[in-house]
Amino acid sequence: MKKNKPNCPEDSLAFALIESVKVVTFVLEEGRSLTDALELADIPPIAKGAVQDISYTAMRTWGRAYALKSLLAGHKRLNPLDLDVLLTVTLCLALEADRVRYEPHTLVDQAVSAAAAQRHTAGGKNLINACLRRYFREIDELVAELDQDPRWIWSFPGWWINKVRKQYPDRWEQLLAHANQQPPLTLRVNRRRASQAEALAACEVAGMEAVAVGQWGLWLPKPVPVSRIPGFAEGWVSVQDAGAQQAATLLELKDGLRVLDACCAPGGKTGHLLEIADVELTALDADPERLSRVEDNLSRLGLLSDRVQMVCDDASQPKRWWDGRPYDLILADVPCSASGVVRRHPDIRWLRRENDVANLSHLQGKIVDGLWSLLKPGGTLLIVTCSIFEEEGGLLVRNFLKRHKHVIVEDAPGLVFPEMTADGPGQDGFFYAKLKKAAHG
């Protein structure tokens, strides 16, 4: 990612647009996640919040804005690439004008300033100016034309829309609408450091509105950086969606059990397991960098001990890392399309390809097959995916049951649909299946 700084004030919208163009280009051209792109970007602290907000808005509305750019400037990609992306990112903000609260004249002026700071030609600056002014002048006609195509209505690839529509014909529009919402900031209270009531009181003292959610959760209606959350640095709370907080409670944890958390990064569920019970835990992930984040999270929460083992290896190849001692409980949070958490990670829709779903489902099957052999008779395997696609949920479990005997299917939520609520945070989409190995299995 380019590190050169634009020649404009760091607290200006023009500066934030230029930095956001670099981030978005890195995602779309390099296939890296938006999270990685923002972490790798060298953004001054004064501009970080604006760049993050613009980048997430761009990923959420990219399909619709790019179609709009084509209507305004032609269907060929503009040269140079950063001019093309700058116009599209600015149109993303224009489409989200009610939320981002930039006046039309401000967007036009700052986008032209950004083009000038990047030393684009007069023709490029004039094109940016003309396209944006035309958009605000002909907004009703242009939006009506966009609304002729479901891809541009929902800002999703066609294959994704078709899959959701086919699998959920009665609620596909609701699911796509949910995916385009702003995600809530939901926290999980670390019961070893504070109670839910204490965490609520700390937020009140800090002047932050907070609402209790479930047994351990808090919802902050007005999101803030984690550095401002009372008790975050001291390990009182972690950021975790309400839907994800179900995993640890489904496993019926007790002190002294031997537990495997497979595919554990970034460690939200790992921390929750250790907060609930004093167990012997193996935290397994194939990515050393992400596993390091798990360790950092556990350290912040005060949960690292000699009873926690960090293992970097492939969950589908247990012969390489298993010590031969069976587990009482296994949490298999297997890699998936992440279609259930797309409102939180809007770049996923542009990074995934249609055949990824089938390939991931095959990998999930290999992982759960390998992990099943590590489970004690009478032990429980909890399969989790943050996906709403059938291939990564019900079909995955049905195929598993065809391959294995002595499996008892226990009560679990199954598919947890993403929810939208008027007075709460709702939740992301997850799939949960709880499988017990029969005593003679």
Protein backbone atom coordinates (compact mmCIF):
# COMPACT_ATOMS: atom_id res chain seq x y z
CA MET A 1 0.00 0.00 0.00
CA LYS A 2 1.34 3.44 -0.95
CA LYS A 3 2.72 5.36 2.03
CA ASN A 4 3.13 8.83 0.46
CA LYS A 5 1.05 11.53 2.17
CA PRO A 6 -1.24 13.79 0.14
CA ASN A 7 -0.63 17.53 0.10
CA CYS A 8 -3.71 18.60 2.05
CA PRO A 9 -4.63 19.03 5.75
CA GLU A 10 -4.78 15.75 7.67
CA ASP A 11 -8.07 16.73 9.31
CA SER A 12 -9.80 17.47 6.00
CA LEU A 13 -12.33 15.31 4.16
CA ALA A 14 -10.05 15.46 1.11
CA PHE A 15 -7.25 13.79 3.07
CA ALA A 16 -9.65 11.12 4.41
CA LEU A 17 -10.92 10.46 0.87
CA ILE A 18 -7.39 9.93 -0.46
CA GLU A 19 -6.46 7.56 2.36
CA SER A 20 -9.75 5.69 1.96
CA VAL A 21 -9.05 5.28 -1.76
CA LYS A 22 -5.77 3.57 -0.86
CA VAL A 23 -7.52 1.26 1.61
CA VAL A 24 -10.37 0.33 -0.75
CA THR A 25 -7.97 -0.25 -3.64
CA PHE A 26 -5.88 -2.56 -1.47
CA VAL A 27 -8.99 -4.61 -0.63
CA LEU A 28 -10.29 -4.86 -4.18
CA GLU A 29 -6.97 -5.27 -6.01
CA GLU A 30 -5.04 -7.37 -3.48
CA GLY A 31 -7.96 -9.40 -2.10
CA ARG A 32 -7.08 -8.52 1.50
CA SER A 33 -9.70 -7.91 4.15
CA LEU A 34 -10.75 -4.40 5.07
CA THR A 35 -9.54 -5.07 8.63
CA ASP A 36 -6.06 -5.92 7.33
CA ALA A 37 -6.03 -2.96 4.96
CA LEU A 38 -6.84 -0.49 7.72
CA GLU A 39 -4.24 -2.02 10.04
CA LEU A 40 -1.54 -1.83 7.35
CA ALA A 41 -2.38 1.72 6.33
CA ASP A 42 -0.18 4.46 7.79
CA ILE A 43 -3.00 6.82 8.78
CA PRO A 44 -2.44 9.75 11.17
CA PRO A 45 -4.52 9.42 14.37
CA ILE A 46 -6.51 12.57 13.57
CA ALA A 47 -7.83 10.98 10.35
CA LYS A 48 -8.29 7.35 11.43
CA GLY A 49 -11.93 7.60 12.45
CA ALA A 50 -12.97 9.32 9.22
CA VAL A 51 -10.98 6.93 7.02
CA GLN A 52 -12.45 3.90 8.76
CA ASP A 53 -15.99 5.23 8.45
CA ILE A 54 -15.56 6.12 4.77
CA SER A 55 -13.92 2.77 3.95
CA TYR A 56 -16.69 0.76 5.60
CA THR A 57 -19.35 2.90 3.91
CA ALA A 58 -17.61 2.33 0.57
CA MET A 59 -17.55 -1.45 0.97
CA ARG A 60 -21.21 -1.46 1.99
CA THR A 61 -22.39 0.55 -1.01
CA TRP A 62 -19.66 -0.19 -3.57
CA GLY A 63 -21.80 -2.13 -6.06
CA ARG A 64 -24.49 0.54 -6.20
CA ALA A 65 -21.97 3.38 -6.36
CA TYR A 66 -19.87 1.72 -9.08
CA ALA A 67 -22.99 1.24 -11.22
CA LEU A 68 -23.77 4.91 -10.63
CA LYS A 69 -20.23 5.88 -11.62
CA SER A 70 -20.73 3.95 -14.87
CA LEU A 71 -23.91 5.88 -15.61
CA LEU A 72 -22.12 9.18 -15.00
CA ALA A 73 -18.68 8.54 -16.49
CA GLY A 74 -19.05 5.57 -18.82
CA HIS A 75 -18.64 1.86 -18.27
CA LYS A 76 -14.87 1.73 -18.72
CA ARG A 77 -12.63 2.09 -15.69
CA LEU A 78 -11.17 5.56 -15.42
CA ASN A 79 -7.41 5.99 -15.65
CA PRO A 80 -5.52 6.21 -13.43
CA LEU A 81 -7.14 3.74 -11.06
CA ASP A 82 -7.10 6.03 -8.04
CA LEU A 83 -9.20 8.58 -9.99
CA ASP A 84 -11.78 5.84 -10.70
CA VAL A 85 -11.84 4.76 -7.06
CA LEU A 86 -11.95 8.35 -5.78
CA LEU A 87 -15.10 9.10 -7.81
CA THR A 88 -16.74 5.84 -6.71
CA VAL A 89 -15.88 6.31 -3.02
CA THR A 90 -17.28 9.85 -3.11
CA LEU A 91 -20.47 8.53 -4.74
CA CYS A 92 -20.69 5.97 -1.91
CA LEU A 93 -20.82 8.90 0.52
CA ALA A 94 -23.35 10.71 -1.65
CA LEU A 95 -25.62 7.64 -1.62
CA GLU A 96 -25.30 7.56 2.18
CA ALA A 97 -25.76 11.32 2.56
CA ASP A 98 -28.37 11.07 5.32
CA ARG A 99 -26.02 9.02 7.49
CA VAL A 100 -22.61 10.52 6.77
CA ARG A 101 -24.01 14.09 6.87
CA TYR A 102 -21.77 15.68 4.24
CA GLU A 103 -23.44 18.48 2.31
CA PRO A 104 -23.39 18.09 -1.51
CA HIS A 105 -21.19 21.17 -2.03
CA THR A 106 -18.73 19.83 0.57
CA LEU A 107 -18.45 16.45 -1.14
CA VAL A 108 -17.89 18.05 -4.53
CA ASP A 109 -15.34 20.54 -3.25
CA GLN A 110 -13.38 18.01 -1.19
CA ALA A 111 -13.36 15.35 -3.92
CA VAL A 112 -11.95 17.89 -6.38
CA SER A 113 -9.40 18.95 -3.74
CA ALA A 114 -8.43 15.30 -3.28
CA ALA A 115 -7.91 14.94 -7.03
CA ALA A 116 -5.78 18.08 -7.04
CA ALA A 117 -3.71 16.88 -4.07
CA GLN A 118 -3.02 13.66 -5.96
CA ARG A 119 -1.83 15.77 -8.93
CA HIS A 120 -4.49 14.55 -11.31
CA THR A 121 -4.81 16.45 -14.57
CA ALA A 122 -7.29 19.27 -15.06
CA GLY A 123 -9.35 16.82 -17.10
CA GLY A 124 -9.55 14.42 -14.15
CA LYS A 125 -10.54 17.15 -11.71
CA ASN A 126 -13.15 18.45 -14.13
CA LEU A 127 -14.56 14.96 -14.59
CA ILE A 128 -14.92 14.48 -10.81
CA ASN A 129 -16.61 17.87 -10.53
CA ALA A 130 -18.98 17.29 -13.46
CA CYS A 131 -20.04 13.77 -12.42
CA LEU A 132 -20.79 14.74 -8.82
CA ARG A 133 -22.69 17.87 -9.79
CA ARG A 134 -24.74 15.88 -12.28
CA TYR A 135 -25.54 13.30 -9.61
CA PHE A 136 -26.94 15.89 -7.22
CA ARG A 137 -28.79 17.58 -10.08
CA GLU A 138 -30.37 14.38 -11.47
CA ILE A 139 -30.50 12.28 -8.32
CA ASP A 140 -34.09 11.02 -8.70
CA GLU A 141 -33.66 9.88 -12.31
CA LEU A 142 -30.32 8.21 -11.65
CA VAL A 143 -31.52 6.37 -8.54
CA ALA A 144 -34.60 5.16 -10.44
CA GLU A 145 -32.30 3.69 -13.11
CA LEU A 146 -30.16 1.97 -10.47
CA ASP A 147 -33.26 0.41 -8.95
CA GLN A 148 -33.90 -1.61 -12.12
CA ASP A 149 -31.24 -4.17 -11.14
CA PRO A 150 -31.24 -6.15 -7.84
CA ARG A 151 -27.43 -6.04 -7.77
CA TRP A 152 -27.49 -2.27 -7.55
CA ILE A 153 -30.51 -2.11 -5.25
CA TRP A 154 -28.80 -4.28 -2.63
CA SER A 155 -25.14 -3.66 -3.54
CA PHE A 156 -24.29 -7.38 -3.61
CA PRO A 157 -22.89 -9.67 -6.33
CA GLY A 158 -25.62 -11.34 -8.35
CA TRP A 159 -24.62 -14.86 -7.27
CA TRP A 160 -24.97 -13.90 -3.59
CA ILE A 161 -28.43 -12.42 -4.12
CA ASN A 162 -29.54 -15.48 -6.09
CA LYS A 163 -28.32 -17.88 -3.41
CA VAL A 164 -30.04 -16.02 -0.56
CA ARG A 165 -33.23 -15.69 -2.64
CA LYS A 166 -33.27 -19.41 -3.50
CA GLN A 167 -32.52 -20.63 0.03
CA TYR A 168 -34.82 -18.15 1.83
CA PRO A 169 -37.58 -17.14 -0.59
CA ASP A 170 -39.74 -15.67 2.17
CA ARG A 171 -37.10 -13.48 3.82
CA TRP A 172 -34.33 -12.84 1.30
CA GLU A 173 -34.98 -9.10 1.14
CA GLN A 174 -34.92 -8.85 4.94
CA LEU A 175 -31.57 -10.68 5.06
CA LEU A 176 -30.01 -8.41 2.44
CA ALA A 177 -31.38 -5.31 4.14
CA HIS A 178 -29.93 -6.46 7.47
CA ALA A 179 -26.53 -6.99 5.83
CA ASN A 180 -26.49 -3.34 4.75
CA GLN A 181 -27.13 -1.99 8.23
CA GLN A 182 -24.58 -0.38 10.51
CA PRO A 183 -23.42 -3.08 12.97
CA PRO A 184 -24.00 -2.51 16.69
CA LEU A 185 -21.28 -2.29 19.31
CA THR A 186 -22.10 -5.22 21.60
CA LEU A 187 -19.84 -6.18 24.51
CA ARG A 188 -19.40 -9.29 26.63
CA VAL A 189 -18.61 -8.76 30.30
CA ASN A 190 -15.73 -10.81 31.74
CA ARG A 191 -17.37 -12.34 34.80
CA ARG A 192 -13.94 -12.94 36.37
CA ARG A 193 -13.26 -9.19 36.41
CA ALA A 194 -16.69 -7.52 36.76
CA SER A 195 -20.42 -8.15 36.87
CA GLN A 196 -22.82 -6.93 34.23
CA ALA A 197 -24.18 -4.40 36.75
CA GLU A 198 -20.68 -3.09 37.50
CA ALA A 199 -19.92 -2.69 33.81
CA LEU A 200 -23.22 -0.84 33.29
CA ALA A 201 -22.42 1.45 36.21
CA ALA A 202 -18.95 2.20 34.82
CA CYS A 203 -20.51 3.23 31.49
CA GLU A 204 -22.97 5.48 33.31
CA VAL A 205 -20.14 7.19 35.21
CA ALA A 206 -18.34 7.73 31.88
CA GLY A 207 -21.48 9.32 30.42
CA MET A 208 -22.10 6.47 27.97
CA GLU A 209 -25.51 4.97 27.36
CA ALA A 210 -25.40 1.18 27.82
CA VAL A 211 -28.13 -1.46 27.78
CA ALA A 212 -27.93 -4.98 29.24
CA VAL A 213 -28.20 -7.76 26.63
CA GLY A 214 -28.68 -11.36 27.75
CA GLN A 215 -26.67 -12.82 30.61
CA TRP A 216 -23.31 -11.16 29.94
CA GLY A 217 -23.81 -8.62 27.19
CA LEU A 218 -23.92 -4.83 26.95
CA TRP A 219 -25.02 -2.77 23.98
CA LEU A 220 -23.69 0.73 23.40
CA PRO A 221 -26.25 2.52 21.17
CA LYS A 222 -23.60 5.11 20.29
CA PRO A 223 -20.44 3.23 19.23
CA VAL A 224 -17.09 4.51 20.47
CA PRO A 225 -13.46 3.38 19.97
CA VAL A 226 -12.56 0.52 22.31
CA SER A 227 -9.98 2.78 23.97
CA ARG A 228 -12.88 4.82 25.36
CA ILE A 229 -14.87 1.88 26.73
CA PRO A 230 -14.66 1.85 30.55
CA GLY A 231 -12.65 -1.14 31.77
CA PHE A 232 -11.67 -2.40 28.31
CA ALA A 233 -7.92 -2.11 28.88
CA GLU A 234 -8.36 -3.74 32.30
CA GLY A 235 -10.12 -6.77 30.77
CA TRP A 236 -13.63 -6.06 32.03
CA VAL A 237 -15.23 -6.43 28.60
CA SER A 238 -14.65 -7.72 25.09
CA VAL A 239 -16.36 -6.79 21.83
CA GLN A 240 -18.54 -9.73 20.78
CA ASP A 241 -21.85 -9.93 18.93
CA ALA A 242 -24.86 -11.24 20.87
CA GLY A 243 -25.20 -14.16 18.46
CA ALA A 244 -21.60 -15.25 19.03
CA GLN A 245 -22.07 -15.17 22.80
CA GLN A 246 -24.27 -18.28 22.57
CA ALA A 247 -21.35 -20.60 21.75
CA ALA A 248 -19.77 -20.93 25.18
CA THR A 249 -23.10 -21.37 26.96
CA LEU A 250 -24.10 -24.26 24.67
CA LEU A 251 -21.09 -26.34 25.71
CA GLU A 252 -22.14 -26.88 29.35
CA LEU A 253 -18.70 -26.06 30.71
CA LYS A 254 -17.51 -27.30 34.10
CA ASP A 255 -14.27 -26.85 35.99
CA GLY A 256 -11.63 -29.47 35.22
CA LEU A 257 -12.85 -30.48 31.75
CA ARG A 258 -10.42 -30.80 28.84
CA VAL A 259 -11.55 -28.50 26.03
CA LEU A 260 -10.38 -27.83 22.48
CA ASP A 261 -11.17 -24.53 20.78
CA ALA A 262 -10.39 -25.26 17.13
CA CYS A 263 -9.98 -22.44 14.57
CA CYS A 264 -10.04 -20.13 17.57
CA ALA A 265 -8.78 -16.80 16.19
CA PRO A 266 -9.33 -13.98 16.96
CA GLY A 267 -10.23 -15.47 20.35
CA GLY A 268 -13.59 -14.02 21.34
CA LYS A 269 -15.12 -17.42 22.08
CA THR A 270 -11.82 -18.63 23.59
CA GLY A 271 -11.98 -15.91 26.20
CA HIS A 272 -15.63 -16.64 26.94
CA LEU A 273 -14.89 -20.34 27.56
CA LEU A 274 -12.22 -19.47 30.11
CA GLU A 275 -14.39 -16.82 31.76
CA ILE A 276 -17.12 -19.39 32.44
CA ALA A 277 -15.08 -22.28 33.86
CA ASP A 278 -11.59 -23.29 34.95
CA VAL A 279 -10.87 -25.75 32.15
CA GLU A 280 -7.76 -27.22 30.54
CA LEU A 281 -7.92 -25.51 27.14
CA THR A 282 -6.13 -26.02 23.84
CA ALA A 283 -6.46 -22.95 21.61
CA LEU A 284 -5.75 -24.05 18.03
CA ASP A 285 -5.40 -21.95 14.88
CA ALA A 286 -3.44 -22.32 11.65
CA ASP A 287 -2.49 -18.63 11.34
CA PRO A 288 0.40 -17.64 13.65
CA GLU A 289 -0.39 -13.92 13.47
CA ARG A 290 -4.04 -14.44 14.34
CA LEU A 291 -3.10 -16.90 17.10
CA SER A 292 -0.85 -14.20 18.55
CA ARG A 293 -3.92 -11.96 18.75
CA VAL A 294 -5.73 -14.69 20.70
CA GLU A 295 -2.89 -14.73 23.20
CA ASP A 296 -2.96 -10.93 23.46
CA ASN A 297 -6.72 -10.99 24.09
CA LEU A 298 -6.42 -13.65 26.77
CA SER A 299 -3.61 -11.68 28.42
CA ARG A 300 -5.77 -8.54 28.55
CA LEU A 301 -8.60 -10.56 30.09
CA GLY A 302 -6.28 -12.10 32.69
CA LEU A 303 -6.97 -15.63 31.43
CA LEU A 304 -3.53 -16.95 30.45
CA SER A 305 -2.23 -19.76 32.66
CA ASP A 306 -0.36 -23.04 32.44
CA ARG A 307 -3.72 -24.69 31.78
CA VAL A 308 -4.01 -22.87 28.43
CA GLN A 309 -1.99 -24.23 25.52
CA MET A 310 -1.60 -22.26 22.29
CA VAL A 311 -1.12 -24.49 19.21
CA CYS A 312 -0.47 -23.23 15.68
CA ASP A 313 -1.50 -25.94 13.20
CA ASP A 314 -4.17 -27.22 10.83
CA ALA A 315 -7.35 -28.42 12.57
CA SER A 316 -7.99 -30.90 9.74
CA GLN A 317 -4.61 -32.63 10.41
CA PRO A 318 -4.80 -33.67 14.10
CA LYS A 319 -2.04 -36.29 13.75
CA ARG A 320 0.43 -33.39 13.46
CA TRP A 321 -0.45 -31.71 16.78
CA TRP A 322 -2.71 -33.87 18.98
CA ASP A 323 -1.06 -35.25 22.12
CA GLY A 324 -3.29 -38.36 22.22
CA ARG A 325 -5.43 -37.27 25.19
CA PRO A 326 -9.10 -37.06 24.19
CA TYR A 327 -11.23 -33.99 24.84
CA ASP A 328 -14.45 -33.70 26.81
CA LEU A 329 -15.66 -30.78 24.72
CA ILE A 330 -14.66 -29.43 21.31
CA LEU A 331 -15.68 -26.09 19.86
CA ALA A 332 -15.24 -26.17 16.08
CA ASP A 333 -15.67 -22.59 14.87
CA VAL A 334 -14.78 -23.65 11.34
CA PRO A 335 -13.71 -21.33 8.49
CA CYS A 336 -16.71 -20.20 6.46
CA SER A 337 -17.98 -17.63 3.98
CA ALA A 338 -18.91 -15.30 6.89
CA SER A 339 -22.18 -14.54 5.12
CA GLY A 340 -23.88 -14.13 8.49
CA VAL A 341 -21.59 -11.30 9.63
CA VAL A 342 -21.46 -9.29 6.42
CA ARG A 343 -22.99 -6.21 8.06
CA ARG A 344 -19.92 -6.19 10.34
CA HIS A 345 -17.49 -7.03 7.50
CA PRO A 346 -19.03 -5.50 4.35
CA ASP A 347 -15.95 -6.26 2.23
CA ILE A 348 -16.76 -10.00 2.39
CA ARG A 349 -19.32 -9.70 -0.38
CA TRP A 350 -16.63 -8.48 -2.80
CA LEU A 351 -13.89 -10.86 -1.65
CA ARG A 352 -15.91 -14.08 -1.86
CA ARG A 353 -16.57 -16.01 -5.08
CA GLU A 354 -19.49 -18.32 -5.70
CA ASN A 355 -17.38 -21.50 -5.66
CA ASP A 356 -15.88 -20.47 -2.30
CA VAL A 357 -19.02 -21.67 -0.51
CA ALA A 358 -18.74 -25.25 -1.79
CA ASN A 359 -14.97 -25.30 -1.21
CA LEU A 360 -15.37 -24.05 2.35
CA SER A 361 -18.12 -26.59 3.05
CA HIS A 362 -15.75 -29.37 1.92
CA LEU A 363 -13.01 -28.02 4.21
CA GLN A 364 -15.46 -27.80 7.11
CA GLY A 365 -16.33 -31.45 6.60
CA LYS A 366 -12.66 -32.45 6.74
CA ILE A 367 -12.12 -30.46 9.92
CA VAL A 368 -15.11 -31.83 11.85
CA ASP A 369 -14.28 -35.38 10.73
CA GLY A 370 -10.77 -35.01 12.11
CA LEU A 371 -11.92 -33.43 15.36
CA TRP A 372 -14.59 -36.07 15.98
CA SER A 373 -11.86 -38.69 16.45
CA LEU A 374 -10.37 -36.61 19.31
CA LEU A 375 -13.57 -36.60 21.34
CA LYS A 376 -14.16 -38.83 24.35
CA PRO A 377 -17.18 -41.16 24.30
CA GLY A 378 -19.92 -39.08 25.88
CA GLY A 379 -18.16 -35.87 24.81
CA THR A 380 -19.69 -33.02 22.82
CA LEU A 381 -18.67 -31.38 19.56
CA LEU A 382 -20.19 -27.94 18.91
CA ILE A 383 -20.03 -26.92 15.25
CA VAL A 384 -20.25 -23.17 14.63
CA THR A 385 -20.25 -21.16 11.43
CA CYS A 386 -20.97 -17.45 11.04
CA SER A 387 -22.87 -18.20 7.84
CA ILE A 388 -26.47 -18.29 6.69
CA PHE A 389 -25.76 -20.47 3.64
CA GLU A 390 -27.26 -23.96 3.82
CA GLU A 391 -24.04 -25.60 2.57
CA GLU A 392 -22.28 -24.37 5.71
CA GLY A 393 -25.07 -25.30 8.12
CA GLY A 394 -27.78 -27.89 7.77
CA LEU A 395 -26.19 -29.62 4.77
CA LEU A 396 -22.81 -29.77 6.53
CA VAL A 397 -24.36 -31.59 9.49
CA ARG A 398 -26.49 -33.94 7.37
CA ASN A 399 -23.41 -35.02 5.42
CA PHE A 400 -21.49 -35.51 8.69
CA LEU A 401 -24.25 -37.78 10.02
CA LYS A 402 -24.03 -39.89 6.86
CA ARG A 403 -20.32 -40.48 7.46
CA HIS A 404 -20.43 -41.21 11.22
CA LYS A 405 -22.28 -43.57 13.50
CA HIS A 406 -22.99 -43.27 17.23
CA VAL A 407 -23.83 -39.57 16.97
CA ILE A 408 -26.52 -38.07 19.19
CA VAL A 409 -27.87 -34.77 17.88
CA GLU A 410 -28.57 -32.56 20.89
CA ASP A 411 -30.66 -29.41 21.19
CA ALA A 412 -28.99 -26.37 19.61
CA PRO A 413 -30.27 -23.25 17.88
CA GLY A 414 -29.42 -24.43 14.36
CA LEU A 415 -29.53 -21.42 12.08
CA VAL A 416 -29.63 -18.18 14.05
CA PHE A 417 -30.97 -15.62 11.58
CA PRO A 418 -29.59 -12.09 11.63
CA GLU A 419 -32.06 -9.84 13.42
CA MET A 420 -33.02 -6.21 13.13
CA THR A 421 -34.72 -4.59 16.10
CA ALA A 422 -35.95 -1.05 16.70
CA ASP A 423 -34.84 -0.93 20.33
CA GLY A 424 -31.79 -3.20 20.54
CA PRO A 425 -28.67 -4.39 18.75
CA GLY A 426 -30.14 -7.50 17.16
CA GLN A 427 -27.51 -10.07 16.24
CA ASP A 428 -25.42 -11.44 13.40
CA GLY A 429 -26.19 -14.71 11.63
CA PHE A 430 -24.77 -18.00 12.95
CA PHE A 431 -25.28 -21.73 12.67
CA TYR A 432 -24.94 -24.00 15.72
CA ALA A 433 -25.04 -27.80 15.81
CA LYS A 434 -24.36 -29.80 18.99
CA LEU A 435 -23.29 -33.42 18.48
CA LYS A 436 -22.64 -35.88 21.30
CA LYS A 437 -20.53 -39.01 20.83
CA ALA A 438 -22.45 -42.02 22.18
CA ALA A 439 -20.77 -43.81 25.08
CA HIS A 440 -20.06 -46.85 22.89
CA GLY A 441 -18.94 -44.69 19.93
